[in-house]
Amino acid sequence: MRLLDRYLLKELLTALACCLGGFLIFWITFDLFSDLDEFQKAQLRPLQVVHYYLLRLPELLSVVLPVSLLLATLYALTHHTRHHELIAIRSAGVGVWRMLTPHLVVGVVCSLLLFAANETEFAEGMSASKQQFTSRVRSGHSGEMKNINFANARDGRVWHIGRFVPSLREVHEVDVKWNMTAGGARHLTATYGVWKKNTWVFTNVNEFLYQPSADVIAEPRSSPELSVPELAETPDQILAVMKVAGLTGDQAAKNAQLSLREIANYRRFFPELRAGERALLETQWHARLASPWTCLVVVLVAIPFAAASGRRNVFVGVASSIFLVFSYFILMRFGLAMGTSGILSPRVAAWGPNILFGLLGSIFTHRLR
């Protein structure tokens, strides 16, 4: 790496670390004071509170990282401009895009990190743990869900679960019905079930087998314990489907609420979707892919306003770039609302703001003097 790249990266990353740390401290402090009463009612120890905010970190980064990167880019480039360093670099024969490569690379890396923070299996596990932890804090129990009705339309299975505890991967008072591949149907009830070694194992089981041509009522067969490999629905998949089913249009219009894996699990169990469900899920899918690239877009928007030379008020350029970025954020929300309601194509709704403001930033950067 050239000396120039190291210098520009050092200035940018120092500003980014300060902005990111400051925003996270402010956000967590404000949230802590808001929820302090609930933490005290749940009798949480300090380490448990720290654990709670670690679980919320991917959610916080999706909001804080793009804004921190915007301010860091504006600060670093404005500092270089005020000291005429960018003019000296250009005078040495370095092109605009080559000079700004470190900032663009940081934008791409932050976008990829944000995508990984939201979509890796580890991040999804943190998200699920956060939901269960939040439920435990607010209600005092282990994040359980009651009276769950879950249908697997692809395999023709219908579950009713009296009590579902995702953190322990267990179900209570479960009733499952499904059609067998050889014909007939199978009906199973159990007082308890647990997912272990990739198989559901039930306790105190009553099982009914219905033959395709029989008119008689099937006699139940009782078992103290029964393993049922045919039931391939994992606790994580059931939880993901319940999360998708409980998502309202207003919630989906705010931001990307669902992970790609959760959407894929739902589509796996429900291949035939209504028009409203299809619009919501496809918009969420493309929004999940497009939203991490906010980091790169804000860098492209900030560069031409902070790096422009000439006689002008630096703060006017900074204010203009901040106004454009917040307009970009508003347009992203508006696009999600239009895509979720089916007015716009999900691809246009999710990717349109990125492409529009990315092109504007690229054009302005190309015209830099």
Protein backbone atom coordinates (compact mmCIF):
# COMPACT_ATOMS: atom_id res chain seq x y z
CA MET A 1 0.00 0.00 0.00
CA ARG A 2 1.30 3.40 -0.92
CA LEU A 3 2.14 5.96 1.75
CA LEU A 4 -0.68 8.20 0.49
CA ASP A 5 -3.27 5.43 0.88
CA ARG A 6 -2.10 4.71 4.41
CA TYR A 7 -2.34 8.38 5.34
CA LEU A 8 -5.86 8.82 3.92
CA LEU A 9 -7.03 5.57 5.51
CA LYS A 10 -5.62 6.56 8.90
CA GLU A 11 -7.46 9.88 8.87
CA LEU A 12 -10.74 8.28 7.77
CA LEU A 13 -10.64 5.29 10.13
CA THR A 14 -9.74 7.48 13.11
CA ALA A 15 -12.75 9.69 12.45
CA LEU A 16 -14.95 6.63 11.83
CA ALA A 17 -13.92 5.02 15.12
CA CYS A 18 -14.70 8.21 17.04
CA CYS A 19 -18.09 8.69 15.35
CA LEU A 20 -19.10 5.04 15.66
CA GLY A 21 -18.05 4.80 19.29
CA GLY A 22 -19.78 8.06 20.16
CA PHE A 23 -23.04 7.07 18.47
CA LEU A 24 -23.08 3.63 20.08
CA ILE A 25 -22.41 5.05 23.54
CA PHE A 26 -25.15 7.66 23.08
CA TRP A 27 -27.65 5.12 21.71
CA ILE A 28 -27.01 2.50 24.39
CA THR A 29 -27.09 5.09 27.19
CA PHE A 30 -30.40 6.49 25.99
CA ASP A 31 -31.89 3.00 25.60
CA LEU A 32 -30.54 1.90 28.98
CA PHE A 33 -32.26 4.75 30.79
CA SER A 34 -35.49 3.98 28.90
CA ASP A 35 -35.51 0.29 29.88
CA LEU A 36 -33.86 0.55 33.27
CA ASP A 37 -37.13 -0.09 35.13
CA GLU A 38 -37.74 -3.30 33.17
CA PHE A 39 -34.19 -4.50 33.82
CA GLN A 40 -34.68 -3.88 37.53
CA LYS A 41 -38.05 -5.70 37.56
CA ALA A 42 -36.42 -8.67 35.84
CA GLN A 43 -33.58 -8.50 38.44
CA LEU A 44 -30.90 -8.61 35.76
CA ARG A 45 -27.26 -8.51 36.78
CA PRO A 46 -24.88 -6.06 35.03
CA LEU A 47 -23.34 -8.86 32.93
CA GLN A 48 -26.80 -9.85 31.69
CA VAL A 49 -27.47 -6.27 30.63
CA VAL A 50 -24.16 -6.26 28.74
CA HIS A 51 -25.17 -9.56 27.11
CA TYR A 52 -28.49 -8.01 26.03
CA TYR A 53 -26.78 -5.10 24.26
CA LEU A 54 -24.28 -7.42 22.60
CA LEU A 55 -27.25 -9.30 21.13
CA ARG A 56 -28.64 -6.00 19.85
CA LEU A 57 -25.36 -4.96 18.23
CA PRO A 58 -26.22 -6.06 14.63
CA GLU A 59 -29.48 -4.11 14.84
CA LEU A 60 -27.69 -1.00 16.12
CA LEU A 61 -24.95 -1.17 13.49
CA SER A 62 -27.47 -1.16 10.63
CA VAL A 63 -28.57 2.31 11.78
CA VAL A 64 -25.39 3.76 13.26
CA LEU A 65 -22.70 2.62 10.81
CA PRO A 66 -23.92 4.48 7.67
CA VAL A 67 -24.41 7.74 9.59
CA SER A 68 -21.01 7.38 11.28
CA LEU A 69 -19.35 6.71 7.92
CA LEU A 70 -21.03 9.77 6.42
CA LEU A 71 -19.77 12.07 9.18
CA ALA A 72 -16.31 10.49 9.19
CA THR A 73 -15.96 10.94 5.42
CA LEU A 74 -17.12 14.56 5.63
CA TYR A 75 -14.74 15.30 8.49
CA ALA A 76 -11.70 13.64 6.93
CA LEU A 77 -12.10 15.12 3.45
CA THR A 78 -13.03 18.58 4.77
CA HIS A 79 -9.88 18.51 6.92
CA HIS A 80 -7.77 17.64 3.85
CA THR A 81 -9.49 20.34 1.78
CA ARG A 82 -8.97 23.10 4.35
CA HIS A 83 -5.24 22.31 4.42
CA HIS A 84 -5.06 22.14 0.59
CA GLU A 85 -3.84 18.56 0.76
CA LEU A 86 -6.19 17.30 -1.95
CA ILE A 87 -4.98 20.03 -4.33
CA ALA A 88 -1.37 18.96 -3.66
CA ILE A 89 -2.28 15.34 -4.37
CA ARG A 90 -4.02 16.26 -7.62
CA SER A 91 -1.05 18.44 -8.63
CA ALA A 92 1.20 15.39 -8.23
CA GLY A 93 -0.71 13.73 -11.05
CA VAL A 94 -3.02 11.52 -9.00
CA GLY A 95 -6.50 11.21 -10.50
CA VAL A 96 -9.66 11.91 -8.54
CA TRP A 97 -10.85 8.31 -8.39
CA ARG A 98 -7.40 7.00 -7.50
CA MET A 99 -7.07 9.60 -4.76
CA LEU A 100 -10.44 8.64 -3.30
CA THR A 101 -9.93 4.86 -3.58
CA PRO A 102 -9.28 4.39 0.19
CA HIS A 103 -12.63 6.00 1.01
CA LEU A 104 -14.47 3.88 -1.55
CA VAL A 105 -12.77 0.72 -0.29
CA VAL A 106 -13.85 1.52 3.28
CA GLY A 107 -17.41 2.05 1.99
CA VAL A 108 -17.40 -1.36 0.28
CA VAL A 109 -15.87 -3.11 3.30
CA CYS A 110 -18.41 -1.53 5.67
CA SER A 111 -21.23 -2.62 3.34
CA LEU A 112 -19.96 -6.20 3.33
CA LEU A 113 -19.51 -6.18 7.11
CA LEU A 114 -23.03 -4.85 7.56
CA PHE A 115 -24.38 -7.59 5.29
CA ALA A 116 -22.47 -10.22 7.28
CA ALA A 117 -23.69 -8.74 10.57
CA ASN A 118 -27.29 -9.19 9.40
CA GLU A 119 -27.19 -12.40 7.38
CA THR A 120 -24.66 -14.87 8.77
CA GLU A 121 -25.92 -17.78 10.82
CA PHE A 122 -24.17 -16.31 13.87
CA ALA A 123 -26.02 -13.01 13.40
CA GLU A 124 -29.34 -14.81 12.98
CA GLY A 125 -28.64 -16.74 16.16
CA MET A 126 -27.97 -13.46 17.93
CA SER A 127 -31.25 -12.07 16.56
CA ALA A 128 -33.24 -15.06 17.78
CA SER A 129 -31.50 -14.93 21.17
CA LYS A 130 -32.27 -11.21 21.36
CA GLN A 131 -35.97 -11.85 20.79
CA GLN A 132 -36.06 -14.55 23.45
CA PHE A 133 -33.99 -12.45 25.86
CA THR A 134 -36.27 -9.44 25.30
CA SER A 135 -39.34 -11.59 25.91
CA ARG A 136 -37.80 -12.90 29.11
CA VAL A 137 -36.98 -9.39 30.30
CA ARG A 138 -40.43 -8.04 29.55
CA SER A 139 -42.54 -11.00 30.71
CA GLY A 140 -40.32 -12.81 33.21
CA HIS A 141 -40.35 -16.20 31.44
CA SER A 142 -38.00 -17.91 29.02
CA GLY A 143 -39.30 -16.36 25.81
CA GLU A 144 -42.01 -18.98 25.31
CA MET A 145 -44.89 -18.66 22.84
CA LYS A 146 -48.36 -20.06 23.45
CA ASN A 147 -51.10 -21.47 21.21
CA ILE A 148 -49.06 -21.71 18.03
CA ASN A 149 -50.76 -22.82 14.81
CA PHE A 150 -48.17 -23.70 12.19
CA ALA A 151 -48.95 -25.09 8.73
CA ASN A 152 -46.42 -26.60 6.33
CA ALA A 153 -48.32 -26.24 3.06
CA ARG A 154 -45.57 -27.91 1.02
CA ASP A 155 -45.63 -31.21 2.95
CA GLY A 156 -49.25 -31.01 4.07
CA ARG A 157 -48.54 -30.92 7.80
CA VAL A 158 -50.47 -28.92 10.37
CA TRP A 159 -49.11 -28.30 13.86
CA HIS A 160 -50.84 -26.99 16.93
CA ILE A 161 -48.48 -26.26 19.82
CA GLY A 162 -49.81 -25.35 23.24
CA ARG A 163 -46.48 -23.93 24.41
CA PHE A 164 -43.31 -23.40 22.37
CA VAL A 165 -39.97 -22.61 24.05
CA PRO A 166 -37.46 -21.77 21.26
CA SER A 167 -34.50 -21.29 23.61
CA LEU A 168 -34.87 -24.89 24.86
CA ARG A 169 -36.00 -26.23 21.45
CA GLU A 170 -39.02 -27.89 22.97
CA VAL A 171 -42.81 -28.00 22.56
CA HIS A 172 -45.60 -28.85 24.97
CA GLU A 173 -49.13 -30.13 24.29
CA VAL A 174 -48.42 -30.70 20.60
CA ASP A 175 -50.85 -31.97 17.95
CA VAL A 176 -49.60 -32.79 14.42
CA LYS A 177 -51.56 -34.06 11.41
CA TRP A 178 -50.21 -34.98 7.97
CA ASN A 179 -50.80 -37.15 4.92
CA MET A 180 -48.47 -40.08 4.31
CA THR A 181 -46.80 -40.64 0.92
CA ALA A 182 -48.24 -44.18 0.63
CA GLY A 183 -51.76 -42.88 1.25
CA GLY A 184 -53.77 -42.36 4.36
CA ALA A 185 -53.07 -39.91 7.15
CA ARG A 186 -51.28 -39.81 10.46
CA HIS A 187 -52.29 -37.92 13.58
CA LEU A 188 -50.00 -37.56 16.59
CA THR A 189 -50.55 -35.95 19.97
CA ALA A 190 -47.98 -35.66 22.74
CA THR A 191 -47.57 -33.85 26.01
CA TYR A 192 -43.94 -32.95 25.31
CA GLY A 193 -41.47 -32.88 22.43
CA VAL A 194 -37.84 -31.86 22.05
CA TRP A 195 -35.62 -31.34 18.99
CA LYS A 196 -32.40 -33.27 19.49
CA LYS A 197 -29.97 -34.83 17.03
CA ASN A 198 -31.97 -33.31 14.14
CA THR A 199 -35.12 -35.26 15.07
CA TRP A 200 -38.28 -34.55 17.03
CA VAL A 201 -38.60 -36.87 20.04
CA PHE A 202 -42.02 -36.89 21.72
CA THR A 203 -43.12 -38.10 25.15
CA ASN A 204 -46.52 -39.56 26.18
CA VAL A 205 -47.62 -40.06 22.59
CA ASN A 206 -51.01 -41.04 21.18
CA GLU A 207 -50.81 -41.92 17.48
CA PHE A 208 -53.67 -42.44 15.00
CA LEU A 209 -53.09 -44.05 11.57
CA TYR A 210 -55.86 -43.61 8.98
CA GLN A 211 -55.87 -45.97 5.98
CA PRO A 212 -56.93 -44.46 2.63
CA SER A 213 -59.84 -46.85 2.03
CA ALA A 214 -60.89 -47.61 5.59
CA ASP A 215 -64.18 -46.32 6.97
CA VAL A 216 -63.51 -47.34 10.55
CA ILE A 217 -62.15 -44.97 13.15
CA ALA A 218 -58.48 -45.58 13.82
CA GLU A 219 -57.55 -46.90 17.23
CA PRO A 220 -54.88 -44.91 19.03
CA ARG A 221 -51.47 -46.40 19.72
CA SER A 222 -49.76 -45.13 22.82
CA SER A 223 -46.00 -44.82 23.33
CA PRO A 224 -44.04 -43.41 26.26
CA GLU A 225 -41.49 -41.99 23.79
CA LEU A 226 -41.43 -41.78 20.01
CA SER A 227 -38.92 -40.41 17.51
CA VAL A 228 -40.50 -39.05 14.30
CA PRO A 229 -37.89 -38.37 11.57
CA GLU A 230 -40.63 -37.45 9.05
CA LEU A 231 -41.22 -34.15 10.85
CA ALA A 232 -38.45 -32.06 9.33
CA GLU A 233 -39.59 -28.67 10.66
CA THR A 234 -36.87 -27.40 12.99
CA PRO A 235 -37.57 -25.03 15.91
CA ASP A 236 -35.67 -22.28 14.08
CA GLN A 237 -37.84 -22.74 10.98
CA ILE A 238 -41.04 -22.66 13.04
CA LEU A 239 -39.83 -19.49 14.76
CA ALA A 240 -38.93 -17.91 11.41
CA VAL A 241 -42.34 -18.70 9.91
CA MET A 242 -44.10 -17.26 12.95
CA LYS A 243 -42.00 -14.11 12.65
CA VAL A 244 -42.92 -13.70 8.97
CA ALA A 245 -46.58 -14.45 9.61
CA GLY A 246 -46.68 -11.85 12.38
CA LEU A 247 -45.06 -9.10 10.30
CA THR A 248 -47.50 -6.34 9.38
CA GLY A 249 -47.28 -4.10 6.33
CA ASP A 250 -46.52 -1.06 8.49
CA GLN A 251 -43.56 -2.82 10.10
CA ALA A 252 -42.25 -4.07 6.74
CA ALA A 253 -42.46 -0.55 5.29
CA LYS A 254 -40.04 0.83 7.90
CA ASN A 255 -36.98 -1.28 7.10
CA ALA A 256 -35.77 -4.78 6.25
CA GLN A 257 -37.18 -6.76 9.18
CA LEU A 258 -36.55 -10.30 7.86
CA SER A 259 -33.33 -12.12 7.05
CA LEU A 260 -32.86 -13.91 3.74
CA ARG A 261 -32.92 -17.26 5.52
CA GLU A 262 -36.23 -16.47 7.24
CA ILE A 263 -37.80 -15.49 3.93
CA ALA A 264 -36.44 -18.62 2.24
CA ASN A 265 -37.84 -20.83 5.04
CA TYR A 266 -41.25 -19.24 4.69
CA ARG A 267 -41.25 -19.66 0.91
CA ARG A 268 -40.19 -23.28 1.35
CA PHE A 269 -43.26 -24.05 3.46
CA PHE A 270 -45.63 -21.78 1.51
CA PRO A 271 -44.75 -21.96 -2.21
CA GLU A 272 -48.11 -20.47 -3.22
CA LEU A 273 -48.45 -16.91 -1.95
CA ARG A 274 -51.18 -14.32 -2.20
CA ALA A 275 -50.34 -11.13 -4.11
CA GLY A 276 -49.97 -9.08 -0.91
CA GLU A 277 -47.68 -11.66 0.72
CA ARG A 278 -45.56 -11.96 -2.42
CA ALA A 279 -45.08 -8.18 -2.64
CA LEU A 280 -44.14 -7.95 1.04
CA LEU A 281 -41.67 -10.85 0.97
CA GLU A 282 -40.02 -9.90 -2.33
CA THR A 283 -39.62 -6.30 -1.15
CA GLN A 284 -38.08 -7.52 2.10
CA TRP A 285 -35.77 -9.85 0.15
CA HIS A 286 -34.41 -7.13 -2.13
CA ALA A 287 -34.29 -4.59 0.72
CA ARG A 288 -32.16 -7.01 2.72
CA LEU A 289 -29.72 -7.23 -0.20
CA ALA A 290 -29.76 -3.50 -0.95
CA SER A 291 -29.69 -1.92 2.51
CA PRO A 292 -26.05 -2.80 3.43
CA TRP A 293 -24.86 -0.84 0.39
CA THR A 294 -26.06 2.29 2.13
CA CYS A 295 -22.50 2.60 3.44
CA LEU A 296 -21.03 2.87 -0.05
CA VAL A 297 -23.77 5.26 -1.23
CA VAL A 298 -23.24 7.71 1.63
CA VAL A 299 -19.51 7.79 0.83
CA LEU A 300 -20.27 8.54 -2.84
CA VAL A 301 -22.65 11.33 -1.79
CA ALA A 302 -20.26 12.84 0.77
CA ILE A 303 -17.12 12.86 -1.41
CA PRO A 304 -18.00 15.59 -3.97
CA PHE A 305 -19.27 18.02 -1.33
CA ALA A 306 -16.36 17.57 1.10
CA ALA A 307 -13.54 17.25 -1.44
CA ALA A 308 -14.47 20.09 -3.80
CA SER A 309 -11.87 22.87 -4.00
CA GLY A 310 -12.41 26.52 -4.73
CA ARG A 311 -13.63 29.53 -2.83
CA ARG A 312 -16.76 28.44 -1.01
CA ASN A 313 -17.99 27.90 2.49
CA VAL A 314 -17.03 24.38 3.54
CA PHE A 315 -20.01 24.11 5.84
CA VAL A 316 -22.41 24.72 2.95
CA GLY A 317 -21.05 21.62 1.22
CA VAL A 318 -21.26 19.57 4.40
CA ALA A 319 -24.83 20.67 5.05
CA SER A 320 -25.77 19.92 1.43
CA SER A 321 -24.40 16.39 1.61
CA ILE A 322 -26.18 15.72 4.92
CA PHE A 323 -29.42 16.98 3.40
CA LEU A 324 -28.97 14.69 0.39
CA VAL A 325 -28.22 11.67 2.56
CA PHE A 326 -31.27 12.20 4.73
CA SER A 327 -33.33 12.63 1.55
CA TYR A 328 -31.87 9.29 0.48
CA PHE A 329 -32.94 7.67 3.76
CA ILE A 330 -36.45 9.07 3.38
CA LEU A 331 -36.66 7.80 -0.21
CA MET A 332 -35.58 4.34 0.99
CA ARG A 333 -38.46 4.26 3.48
CA PHE A 334 -40.86 5.56 0.83
CA GLY A 335 -39.67 2.89 -1.63
CA LEU A 336 -40.20 0.12 0.94
CA ALA A 337 -43.73 1.35 1.59
CA MET A 338 -44.51 1.46 -2.14
CA GLY A 339 -43.00 -1.97 -2.75
CA THR A 340 -44.77 -3.56 0.22
CA SER A 341 -48.13 -2.21 -0.95
CA GLY A 342 -47.50 -3.56 -4.48
CA ILE A 343 -47.45 -0.16 -6.19
CA LEU A 344 -43.78 -0.45 -7.21
CA SER A 345 -41.76 -3.45 -8.32
CA PRO A 346 -39.82 -4.85 -5.30
CA ARG A 347 -36.54 -4.50 -7.22
CA VAL A 348 -37.20 -0.84 -8.05
CA ALA A 349 -38.45 -0.11 -4.52
CA ALA A 350 -35.34 -1.58 -2.86
CA TRP A 351 -32.56 -0.79 -5.33
CA GLY A 352 -33.89 2.47 -6.85
CA PRO A 353 -32.66 4.86 -4.11
CA ASN A 354 -29.20 3.19 -4.08
CA ILE A 355 -28.83 3.49 -7.85
CA LEU A 356 -30.18 7.05 -8.01
CA PHE A 357 -28.04 8.56 -5.27
CA GLY A 358 -25.02 6.41 -6.14
CA LEU A 359 -25.13 7.76 -9.71
CA LEU A 360 -25.58 11.34 -8.48
CA GLY A 361 -22.58 11.00 -6.19
CA SER A 362 -20.49 9.42 -8.99
CA ILE A 363 -21.39 12.19 -11.46
CA PHE A 364 -20.56 14.95 -8.97
CA THR A 365 -17.30 13.22 -8.04
CA HIS A 366 -16.33 12.88 -11.72
CA ARG A 367 -16.85 16.63 -12.14
CA LEU A 368 -14.60 17.56 -9.23
CA ARG A 369 -11.95 20.14 -10.06
